[in-house]
Amino acid sequence: MPDNFQLFRLSLVERSQDDMFPEPNVTDRESYLRYIFTTKWEYDHRGSTFHFIPAPHLSASDGLMGKFGRAVTVEENTSPDQGFEDVLRPGWKAAVLVIDPVNHADGQKVAVQHDPKVGSPGAILDSFIDFIARRHPSAPFVIKAEPIFNADTFWEFAAENRGEITTVTFEFVVPNGLWNAETDLKDELREARELVKAQKVVATFKSQDGLETDSPQIKEAVDYVEKGSGEVTAKSKRGKRFSSKNKPKRTILHDNPDDPEPLIVRAARQIAKVLGK
């Protein structure tokens, strides 16, 4: 069965520091991510104890490897001599994580394996980032993780509901790194970060007569969000809804009978593919 990974973009929003951060080697966004994802952590996720364990022996300069895991109860059966009785024993399940911490146009992306026995990749990552924020209130950056989605899914929704979309809402993470192009939107959001100290900006367009979704402003906003820099939701007159969070971009690693090595080893050999590059 193929293994799939959900893709996220990390934004690190700079914040003022009242106290000196205890890690002297953390001087920029990349070094902060390297510190976080090369350290063992234990945190709470929805009432369960989760662990993050880095895998430095498999990591490279452009991709850090690790796993999120939790305790589980495994159902098995006894031997034939014991009548195949149902038995339960404690065990562990873990999901692979791959992250490019480098601050370049297609960097600071995270791929988390989707394993239902571990949990939802987005929920696990959000809980972890919330824990890091609480653990390090004096850290130089606030981490935001947004799912990367395929903009085609929004444009399909817009085409199917042309003239009937009454609300479109964008929640933008303010820019803080390198981007593929300069845009008016990015400049406005940068000003919101620098002048207002905003970490996120929400913009809503409404019209009971139906919005013109082909407008340059909507196109620019969707393009910005598609890179993993926010979320977009929409609603039509007939109650149809769209959410970019429900349309995450995924990458697939197919099983290979000739390659019996663990998933994390295979993912480490194909870092660029896993990260959707």
C-alpha atoms as a PDB file:
ATOM      1  CA  MET A   1       0.000   0.000   0.000  1.00  0.00           C
ATOM      2  CA  PRO A   2       1.497   3.397  -0.970  1.00  0.00           C
ATOM      3  CA  ASP A   3       2.451   5.853   1.746  1.00  0.00           C
ATOM      4  CA  ASN A   4       1.217   9.418   1.389  1.00  0.00           C
ATOM      5  CA  PHE A   5       2.549  12.593   2.948  1.00  0.00           C
ATOM      6  CA  GLN A   6       0.666  15.865   3.487  1.00  0.00           C
ATOM      7  CA  LEU A   7       2.566  19.041   2.651  1.00  0.00           C
ATOM      8  CA  PHE A   8       2.745  22.182   4.789  1.00  0.00           C
ATOM      9  CA  ARG A   9       4.546  25.508   4.542  1.00  0.00           C
ATOM     10  CA  LEU A  10       6.130  26.906   7.690  1.00  0.00           C
ATOM     11  CA  SER A  11       6.135  30.669   8.238  1.00  0.00           C
ATOM     12  CA  LEU A  12       8.297  32.039  11.015  1.00  0.00           C
ATOM     13  CA  VAL A  13       7.058  35.444  12.122  1.00  0.00           C
ATOM     14  CA  GLU A  14       9.649  37.508  13.957  1.00  0.00           C
ATOM     15  CA  ARG A  15       8.686  38.865  17.349  1.00  0.00           C
ATOM     16  CA  SER A  16      10.305  41.105  19.939  1.00  0.00           C
ATOM     17  CA  GLN A  17      12.177  39.335  22.711  1.00  0.00           C
ATOM     18  CA  ASP A  18      11.917  40.356  26.342  1.00  0.00           C
ATOM     19  CA  ASP A  19      14.436  37.734  27.438  1.00  0.00           C
ATOM     20  CA  MET A  20      17.471  36.195  25.849  1.00  0.00           C
ATOM     21  CA  PHE A  21      16.607  32.917  24.105  1.00  0.00           C
ATOM     22  CA  PRO A  22      18.539  30.094  25.830  1.00  0.00           C
ATOM     23  CA  GLU A  23      19.915  28.626  22.586  1.00  0.00           C
ATOM     24  CA  PRO A  24      22.834  30.871  21.492  1.00  0.00           C
ATOM     25  CA  ASN A  25      23.156  29.197  18.090  1.00  0.00           C
ATOM     26  CA  VAL A  26      19.640  30.260  17.076  1.00  0.00           C
ATOM     27  CA  THR A  27      20.230  33.401  15.038  1.00  0.00           C
ATOM     28  CA  ASP A  28      17.758  33.141  12.153  1.00  0.00           C
ATOM     29  CA  ARG A  29      14.736  31.181  10.921  1.00  0.00           C
ATOM     30  CA  GLU A  30      16.716  28.256   9.560  1.00  0.00           C
ATOM     31  CA  SER A  31      18.734  27.757  12.743  1.00  0.00           C
ATOM     32  CA  TYR A  32      15.529  27.915  14.818  1.00  0.00           C
ATOM     33  CA  LEU A  33      13.917  25.175  12.730  1.00  0.00           C
ATOM     34  CA  ARG A  34      17.087  23.090  12.933  1.00  0.00           C
ATOM     35  CA  TYR A  35      17.055  23.438  16.714  1.00  0.00           C
ATOM     36  CA  ILE A  36      13.378  22.420  16.966  1.00  0.00           C
ATOM     37  CA  PHE A  37      13.566  19.450  14.596  1.00  0.00           C
ATOM     38  CA  THR A  38      16.846  17.996  15.863  1.00  0.00           C
ATOM     39  CA  THR A  39      15.670  17.851  19.489  1.00  0.00           C
ATOM     40  CA  LYS A  40      13.585  15.180  21.243  1.00  0.00           C
ATOM     41  CA  TRP A  41      10.242  16.442  22.559  1.00  0.00           C
ATOM     42  CA  GLU A  42       7.302  15.039  24.502  1.00  0.00           C
ATOM     43  CA  TYR A  43       3.974  16.855  24.231  1.00  0.00           C
ATOM     44  CA  ASP A  44       0.227  16.463  24.634  1.00  0.00           C
ATOM     45  CA  HIS A  45      -2.070  16.005  21.654  1.00  0.00           C
ATOM     46  CA  ARG A  46      -5.780  15.705  22.386  1.00  0.00           C
ATOM     47  CA  GLY A  47      -5.208  14.010  25.704  1.00  0.00           C
ATOM     48  CA  SER A  48      -2.534  11.595  24.487  1.00  0.00           C
ATOM     49  CA  THR A  49       1.217  11.842  25.007  1.00  0.00           C
ATOM     50  CA  PHE A  50       3.108  12.208  21.731  1.00  0.00           C
ATOM     51  CA  HIS A  51       6.839  12.116  21.106  1.00  0.00           C
ATOM     52  CA  PHE A  52       8.945  13.720  18.410  1.00  0.00           C
ATOM     53  CA  ILE A  53      12.190  11.859  17.773  1.00  0.00           C
ATOM     54  CA  PRO A  54      14.734  13.231  15.254  1.00  0.00           C
ATOM     55  CA  ALA A  55      16.689  10.892  12.970  1.00  0.00           C
ATOM     56  CA  PRO A  56      20.039  12.678  12.457  1.00  0.00           C
ATOM     57  CA  HIS A  57      21.663   9.614  10.870  1.00  0.00           C
ATOM     58  CA  LEU A  58      19.226   9.929   7.950  1.00  0.00           C
ATOM     59  CA  SER A  59      19.104  13.727   7.705  1.00  0.00           C
ATOM     60  CA  ALA A  60      20.839  15.868   5.091  1.00  0.00           C
ATOM     61  CA  SER A  61      21.487  19.585   4.647  1.00  0.00           C
ATOM     62  CA  ASP A  62      18.272  20.014   2.653  1.00  0.00           C
ATOM     63  CA  GLY A  63      16.094  17.627   4.630  1.00  0.00           C
ATOM     64  CA  LEU A  64      15.787  16.755   8.297  1.00  0.00           C
ATOM     65  CA  MET A  65      14.151  13.452   9.165  1.00  0.00           C
ATOM     66  CA  GLY A  66      12.168  12.485  12.237  1.00  0.00           C
ATOM     67  CA  LYS A  67       9.040  10.775  13.555  1.00  0.00           C
ATOM     68  CA  PHE A  68       5.940  11.671  15.552  1.00  0.00           C
ATOM     69  CA  GLY A  69       4.724   8.716  17.601  1.00  0.00           C
ATOM     70  CA  ARG A  70       2.411   7.604  20.388  1.00  0.00           C
ATOM     71  CA  ALA A  71       1.588   4.556  22.444  1.00  0.00           C
ATOM     72  CA  VAL A  72      -1.140   2.276  21.071  1.00  0.00           C
ATOM     73  CA  THR A  73      -2.845  -0.962  22.037  1.00  0.00           C
ATOM     74  CA  VAL A  74      -2.239  -3.741  19.509  1.00  0.00           C
ATOM     75  CA  GLU A  75      -4.798  -6.505  19.020  1.00  0.00           C
ATOM     76  CA  GLU A  76      -3.317  -9.928  18.303  1.00  0.00           C
ATOM     77  CA  ASN A  77      -4.148 -13.608  18.642  1.00  0.00           C
ATOM     78  CA  THR A  78      -2.475 -16.387  20.573  1.00  0.00           C
ATOM     79  CA  SER A  79      -0.951 -19.454  18.913  1.00  0.00           C
ATOM     80  CA  PRO A  80      -3.100 -22.296  17.486  1.00  0.00           C
ATOM     81  CA  ASP A  81      -2.295 -24.357  20.593  1.00  0.00           C
ATOM     82  CA  GLN A  82      -3.910 -21.606  22.651  1.00  0.00           C
ATOM     83  CA  GLY A  83      -6.974 -21.426  20.442  1.00  0.00           C
ATOM     84  CA  PHE A  84      -6.218 -18.115  18.657  1.00  0.00           C
ATOM     85  CA  GLU A  85      -7.524 -16.245  21.677  1.00  0.00           C
ATOM     86  CA  ASP A  86      -7.807 -12.453  21.313  1.00  0.00           C
ATOM     87  CA  VAL A  87      -5.105 -10.633  23.283  1.00  0.00           C
ATOM     88  CA  LEU A  88      -4.106  -6.996  23.648  1.00  0.00           C
ATOM     89  CA  ARG A  89      -0.565  -5.756  24.143  1.00  0.00           C
ATOM     90  CA  PRO A  90       1.012  -2.300  24.362  1.00  0.00           C
ATOM     91  CA  GLY A  91       2.890  -0.991  21.335  1.00  0.00           C
ATOM     92  CA  TRP A  92       3.896   2.159  19.475  1.00  0.00           C
ATOM     93  CA  LYS A  93       2.967   3.737  16.143  1.00  0.00           C
ATOM     94  CA  ALA A  94       4.902   6.535  14.480  1.00  0.00           C
ATOM     95  CA  ALA A  95       4.582   8.729  11.385  1.00  0.00           C
ATOM     96  CA  VAL A  96       7.553   9.985   9.370  1.00  0.00           C
ATOM     97  CA  LEU A  97       8.304  13.709   9.071  1.00  0.00           C
ATOM     98  CA  VAL A  98      10.537  15.381   6.476  1.00  0.00           C
ATOM     99  CA  ILE A  99      11.404  19.088   6.662  1.00  0.00           C
ATOM    100  CA  ASP A 100      13.518  21.406   4.520  1.00  0.00           C
ATOM    101  CA  PRO A 101      14.591  24.114   7.012  1.00  0.00           C
ATOM    102  CA  VAL A 102      16.428  26.286   4.467  1.00  0.00           C
ATOM    103  CA  ASN A 103      15.014  29.756   3.787  1.00  0.00           C
ATOM    104  CA  HIS A 104      14.722  29.751  -0.005  1.00  0.00           C
ATOM    105  CA  ALA A 105      11.832  30.202  -2.443  1.00  0.00           C
ATOM    106  CA  ASP A 106      10.657  26.582  -2.134  1.00  0.00           C
ATOM    107  CA  GLY A 107      12.053  25.881   1.304  1.00  0.00           C
ATOM    108  CA  GLN A 108      10.787  25.592   4.868  1.00  0.00           C
ATOM    109  CA  LYS A 109       8.296  22.967   3.754  1.00  0.00           C
ATOM    110  CA  VAL A 110       7.212  20.004   5.885  1.00  0.00           C
ATOM    111  CA  ALA A 111       5.844  16.640   4.807  1.00  0.00           C
ATOM    112  CA  VAL A 112       4.099  14.482   7.431  1.00  0.00           C
ATOM    113  CA  GLN A 113       3.091  10.879   6.748  1.00  0.00           C
ATOM    114  CA  HIS A 114      -0.633  10.233   6.954  1.00  0.00           C
ATOM    115  CA  ASP A 115      -1.126   7.174   9.161  1.00  0.00           C
ATOM    116  CA  PRO A 116      -4.651   6.902  10.644  1.00  0.00           C
ATOM    117  CA  LYS A 117      -3.274   4.905  13.570  1.00  0.00           C
ATOM    118  CA  VAL A 118      -1.109   7.884  14.534  1.00  0.00           C
ATOM    119  CA  GLY A 119      -3.465  10.748  13.694  1.00  0.00           C
ATOM    120  CA  SER A 120      -4.196  13.577  11.281  1.00  0.00           C
ATOM    121  CA  PRO A 121      -0.939  15.182  10.031  1.00  0.00           C
ATOM    122  CA  GLY A 122      -2.321  18.715  10.359  1.00  0.00           C
ATOM    123  CA  ALA A 123      -3.655  18.195  13.878  1.00  0.00           C
ATOM    124  CA  ILE A 124      -0.441  16.527  15.079  1.00  0.00           C
ATOM    125  CA  LEU A 125       1.720  19.301  13.620  1.00  0.00           C
ATOM    126  CA  ASP A 126      -0.517  22.066  15.033  1.00  0.00           C
ATOM    127  CA  SER A 127      -0.360  20.583  18.529  1.00  0.00           C
ATOM    128  CA  PHE A 128       3.406  20.277  18.276  1.00  0.00           C
ATOM    129  CA  ILE A 129       3.826  23.898  17.155  1.00  0.00           C
ATOM    130  CA  ASP A 130       1.506  25.107  19.938  1.00  0.00           C
ATOM    131  CA  PHE A 131       3.608  23.163  22.429  1.00  0.00           C
ATOM    132  CA  ILE A 132       6.825  24.730  21.107  1.00  0.00           C
ATOM    133  CA  ALA A 133       5.291  28.217  21.420  1.00  0.00           C
ATOM    134  CA  ARG A 134       4.342  27.551  25.059  1.00  0.00           C
ATOM    135  CA  ARG A 135       7.682  25.917  25.834  1.00  0.00           C
ATOM    136  CA  HIS A 136       9.666  28.836  24.369  1.00  0.00           C
ATOM    137  CA  PRO A 137       7.713  32.067  24.952  1.00  0.00           C
ATOM    138  CA  SER A 138      10.916  34.076  24.479  1.00  0.00           C
ATOM    139  CA  ALA A 139      11.818  32.456  21.144  1.00  0.00           C
ATOM    140  CA  PRO A 140      12.692  34.936  18.373  1.00  0.00           C
ATOM    141  CA  PHE A 141      10.022  33.537  16.035  1.00  0.00           C
ATOM    142  CA  VAL A 142       6.419  32.337  16.069  1.00  0.00           C
ATOM    143  CA  ILE A 143       5.930  29.306  13.823  1.00  0.00           C
ATOM    144  CA  LYS A 144       2.797  29.030  11.671  1.00  0.00           C
ATOM    145  CA  ALA A 145       2.043  25.886   9.634  1.00  0.00           C
ATOM    146  CA  GLU A 146      -0.397  26.083   6.736  1.00  0.00           C
ATOM    147  CA  PRO A 147      -1.379  23.226   4.409  1.00  0.00           C
ATOM    148  CA  ILE A 148      -0.213  23.616   0.825  1.00  0.00           C
ATOM    149  CA  PHE A 149      -3.182  23.101  -1.490  1.00  0.00           C
ATOM    150  CA  ASN A 150      -3.793  22.836  -5.212  1.00  0.00           C
ATOM    151  CA  ALA A 151      -5.347  26.090  -6.471  1.00  0.00           C
ATOM    152  CA  ASP A 152      -7.062  24.153  -9.282  1.00  0.00           C
ATOM    153  CA  THR A 153      -9.537  22.856  -6.693  1.00  0.00           C
ATOM    154  CA  PHE A 154     -10.600  26.432  -5.862  1.00  0.00           C
ATOM    155  CA  TRP A 155     -10.950  27.393  -9.519  1.00  0.00           C
ATOM    156  CA  GLU A 156     -13.048  24.265 -10.144  1.00  0.00           C
ATOM    157  CA  PHE A 157     -15.342  25.327  -7.294  1.00  0.00           C
ATOM    158  CA  ALA A 158     -15.479  28.873  -8.679  1.00  0.00           C
ATOM    159  CA  ALA A 159     -16.360  27.613 -12.169  1.00  0.00           C
ATOM    160  CA  GLU A 160     -19.074  25.279 -10.873  1.00  0.00           C
ATOM    161  CA  ASN A 161     -20.630  28.121  -8.871  1.00  0.00           C
ATOM    162  CA  ARG A 162     -19.941  31.040 -11.198  1.00  0.00           C
ATOM    163  CA  GLY A 163     -21.968  34.104 -10.260  1.00  0.00           C
ATOM    164  CA  GLU A 164     -23.273  32.441  -7.093  1.00  0.00           C
ATOM    165  CA  ILE A 165     -20.311  32.749  -4.710  1.00  0.00           C
ATOM    166  CA  THR A 166     -21.326  35.256  -2.058  1.00  0.00           C
ATOM    167  CA  THR A 167     -18.393  35.058   0.365  1.00  0.00           C
ATOM    168  CA  VAL A 168     -14.675  34.456  -0.029  1.00  0.00           C
ATOM    169  CA  THR A 169     -12.426  34.743   3.026  1.00  0.00           C
ATOM    170  CA  PHE A 170      -8.629  34.702   3.023  1.00  0.00           C
ATOM    171  CA  GLU A 171      -6.522  34.259   6.143  1.00  0.00           C
ATOM    172  CA  PHE A 172      -2.967  35.265   5.254  1.00  0.00           C
ATOM    173  CA  VAL A 173       0.218  34.550   7.157  1.00  0.00           C
ATOM    174  CA  VAL A 174       2.364  37.671   6.835  1.00  0.00           C
ATOM    175  CA  PRO A 175       5.449  37.102   4.636  1.00  0.00           C
ATOM    176  CA  ASN A 176       8.824  36.686   6.253  1.00  0.00           C
ATOM    177  CA  GLY A 177      11.075  34.903   3.804  1.00  0.00           C
ATOM    178  CA  LEU A 178      11.944  34.545   0.143  1.00  0.00           C
ATOM    179  CA  TRP A 179       9.114  34.313  -2.384  1.00  0.00           C
ATOM    180  CA  ASN A 180       8.923  33.592  -6.077  1.00  0.00           C
ATOM    181  CA  ALA A 181       7.572  36.991  -7.074  1.00  0.00           C
ATOM    182  CA  GLU A 182       6.999  40.473  -5.757  1.00  0.00           C
ATOM    183  CA  THR A 183       3.298  41.375  -5.477  1.00  0.00           C
ATOM    184  CA  ASP A 184       1.204  44.233  -4.168  1.00  0.00           C
ATOM    185  CA  LEU A 185      -0.467  41.841  -1.743  1.00  0.00           C
ATOM    186  CA  LYS A 186       2.830  40.711  -0.306  1.00  0.00           C
ATOM    187  CA  ASP A 187       3.928  44.319   0.176  1.00  0.00           C
ATOM    188  CA  GLU A 188       0.686  45.154   1.973  1.00  0.00           C
ATOM    189  CA  LEU A 189       1.010  42.150   4.260  1.00  0.00           C
ATOM    190  CA  ARG A 190       4.622  42.975   4.987  1.00  0.00           C
ATOM    191  CA  GLU A 191       3.528  46.445   6.072  1.00  0.00           C
ATOM    192  CA  ALA A 192       0.904  44.857   8.331  1.00  0.00           C
ATOM    193  CA  ARG A 193       3.662  42.848   9.947  1.00  0.00           C
ATOM    194  CA  GLU A 194       6.105  45.732  10.326  1.00  0.00           C
ATOM    195  CA  LEU A 195       3.721  48.561  11.246  1.00  0.00           C
ATOM    196  CA  VAL A 196       0.906  46.765  13.062  1.00  0.00           C
ATOM    197  CA  LYS A 197       2.931  43.732  14.296  1.00  0.00           C
ATOM    198  CA  ALA A 198       0.336  41.432  12.732  1.00  0.00           C
ATOM    199  CA  GLN A 199       1.059  37.726  12.421  1.00  0.00           C
ATOM    200  CA  LYS A 200      -2.045  36.969  10.360  1.00  0.00           C
ATOM    201  CA  VAL A 201      -4.400  39.131   8.282  1.00  0.00           C
ATOM    202  CA  VAL A 202      -8.005  38.159   7.452  1.00  0.00           C
ATOM    203  CA  ALA A 203      -9.773  39.609   4.411  1.00  0.00           C
ATOM    204  CA  THR A 204     -13.393  38.829   3.487  1.00  0.00           C
ATOM    205  CA  PHE A 205     -15.175  39.678   0.240  1.00  0.00           C
ATOM    206  CA  LYS A 206     -19.000  39.582   0.317  1.00  0.00           C
ATOM    207  CA  SER A 207     -21.779  40.206  -2.181  1.00  0.00           C
ATOM    208  CA  GLN A 208     -25.324  38.847  -2.190  1.00  0.00           C
ATOM    209  CA  ASP A 209     -25.327  39.378  -5.976  1.00  0.00           C
ATOM    210  CA  GLY A 210     -22.292  37.094  -6.440  1.00  0.00           C
ATOM    211  CA  LEU A 211     -18.577  37.896  -6.451  1.00  0.00           C
ATOM    212  CA  GLU A 212     -16.397  38.187  -9.546  1.00  0.00           C
ATOM    213  CA  THR A 213     -13.870  35.515  -8.647  1.00  0.00           C
ATOM    214  CA  ASP A 214     -11.834  36.097 -11.825  1.00  0.00           C
ATOM    215  CA  SER A 215     -10.736  39.505 -10.550  1.00  0.00           C
ATOM    216  CA  PRO A 216      -6.967  40.141 -10.261  1.00  0.00           C
ATOM    217  CA  GLN A 217      -7.286  40.630  -6.495  1.00  0.00           C
ATOM    218  CA  ILE A 218      -8.847  37.173  -5.968  1.00  0.00           C
ATOM    219  CA  LYS A 219      -6.352  35.517  -8.308  1.00  0.00           C
ATOM    220  CA  GLU A 220      -3.411  37.097  -6.526  1.00  0.00           C
ATOM    221  CA  ALA A 221      -4.756  36.081  -3.118  1.00  0.00           C
ATOM    222  CA  VAL A 222      -5.379  32.463  -4.191  1.00  0.00           C
ATOM    223  CA  ASP A 223      -1.864  32.285  -5.656  1.00  0.00           C
ATOM    224  CA  TYR A 224      -0.411  33.536  -2.361  1.00  0.00           C
ATOM    225  CA  VAL A 225      -2.403  31.049  -0.263  1.00  0.00           C
ATOM    226  CA  GLU A 226      -1.595  28.143  -2.592  1.00  0.00           C
ATOM    227  CA  LYS A 227       2.064  28.356  -1.592  1.00  0.00           C
ATOM    228  CA  GLY A 228       1.095  27.479   1.968  1.00  0.00           C
ATOM    229  CA  SER A 229       0.801  31.042   3.211  1.00  0.00           C
ATOM    230  CA  GLY A 230      -2.741  30.959   4.555  1.00  0.00           C
ATOM    231  CA  GLU A 231      -6.226  29.596   3.985  1.00  0.00           C
ATOM    232  CA  VAL A 232      -9.162  30.362   1.712  1.00  0.00           C
ATOM    233  CA  THR A 233     -12.822  29.522   2.299  1.00  0.00           C
ATOM    234  CA  ALA A 234     -15.827  30.289   0.124  1.00  0.00           C
ATOM    235  CA  LYS A 235     -19.616  29.927   0.231  1.00  0.00           C
ATOM    236  CA  SER A 236     -22.263  30.049  -2.495  1.00  0.00           C
ATOM    237  CA  LYS A 237     -25.910  31.180  -2.477  1.00  0.00           C
ATOM    238  CA  ARG A 238     -26.989  27.538  -2.391  1.00  0.00           C
ATOM    239  CA  GLY A 239     -24.879  26.784   0.663  1.00  0.00           C
ATOM    240  CA  LYS A 240     -22.036  25.023  -1.133  1.00  0.00           C
ATOM    241  CA  ARG A 241     -18.737  25.498   0.659  1.00  0.00           C
ATOM    242  CA  PHE A 242     -15.027  25.365  -0.118  1.00  0.00           C
ATOM    243  CA  SER A 243     -12.077  25.176   2.286  1.00  0.00           C
ATOM    244  CA  SER A 244      -8.452  24.917   1.221  1.00  0.00           C
ATOM    245  CA  LYS A 245      -7.766  22.976   4.432  1.00  0.00           C
ATOM    246  CA  ASN A 246      -9.916  20.170   3.040  1.00  0.00           C
ATOM    247  CA  LYS A 247      -7.909  20.088  -0.203  1.00  0.00           C
ATOM    248  CA  PRO A 248      -4.341  19.440   0.983  1.00  0.00           C
ATOM    249  CA  LYS A 249      -1.568  18.670  -1.457  1.00  0.00           C
ATOM    250  CA  ARG A 250      -0.023  15.247  -0.925  1.00  0.00           C
ATOM    251  CA  THR A 251       2.966  13.306  -2.235  1.00  0.00           C
ATOM    252  CA  ILE A 252       3.065   9.536  -2.650  1.00  0.00           C
ATOM    253  CA  LEU A 253       5.817   6.973  -2.132  1.00  0.00           C
ATOM    254  CA  HIS A 254       4.781   3.719  -3.755  1.00  0.00           C
ATOM    255  CA  ASP A 255       5.700   0.352  -2.318  1.00  0.00           C
ATOM    256  CA  ASN A 256       8.592  -1.436  -4.002  1.00  0.00           C
ATOM    257  CA  PRO A 257       8.895  -5.209  -3.351  1.00  0.00           C
ATOM    258  CA  ASP A 258      12.584  -4.949  -4.232  1.00  0.00           C
ATOM    259  CA  ASP A 259      13.146  -2.267  -1.581  1.00  0.00           C
ATOM    260  CA  PRO A 260      12.158  -3.701   1.835  1.00  0.00           C
ATOM    261  CA  GLU A 261      13.794  -0.910   3.829  1.00  0.00           C
ATOM    262  CA  PRO A 262      11.726   1.123   6.331  1.00  0.00           C
ATOM    263  CA  LEU A 263       9.705   4.055   5.029  1.00  0.00           C
ATOM    264  CA  ILE A 264      11.894   6.641   6.748  1.00  0.00           C
ATOM    265  CA  VAL A 265      14.955   5.278   4.922  1.00  0.00           C
ATOM    266  CA  ARG A 266      13.193   5.345   1.554  1.00  0.00           C
ATOM    267  CA  ALA A 267      11.892   8.870   2.275  1.00  0.00           C
ATOM    268  CA  ALA A 268      15.403  10.046   3.174  1.00  0.00           C
ATOM    269  CA  ARG A 269      16.640   8.858  -0.209  1.00  0.00           C
ATOM    270  CA  GLN A 270      13.816  10.741  -1.972  1.00  0.00           C
ATOM    271  CA  ILE A 271      13.651  13.942   0.076  1.00  0.00           C
ATOM    272  CA  ALA A 272      12.925  16.196  -2.903  1.00  0.00           C
ATOM    273  CA  LYS A 273      10.049  13.973  -4.090  1.00  0.00           C
ATOM    274  CA  VAL A 274       8.513  13.734  -0.634  1.00  0.00           C
ATOM    275  CA  LEU A 275       8.619  17.528  -0.303  1.00  0.00           C
ATOM    276  CA  GLY A 276       6.929  17.959  -3.687  1.00  0.00           C
ATOM    277  CA  LYS A 277       9.919  19.559  -5.432  1.00  0.00           C
END
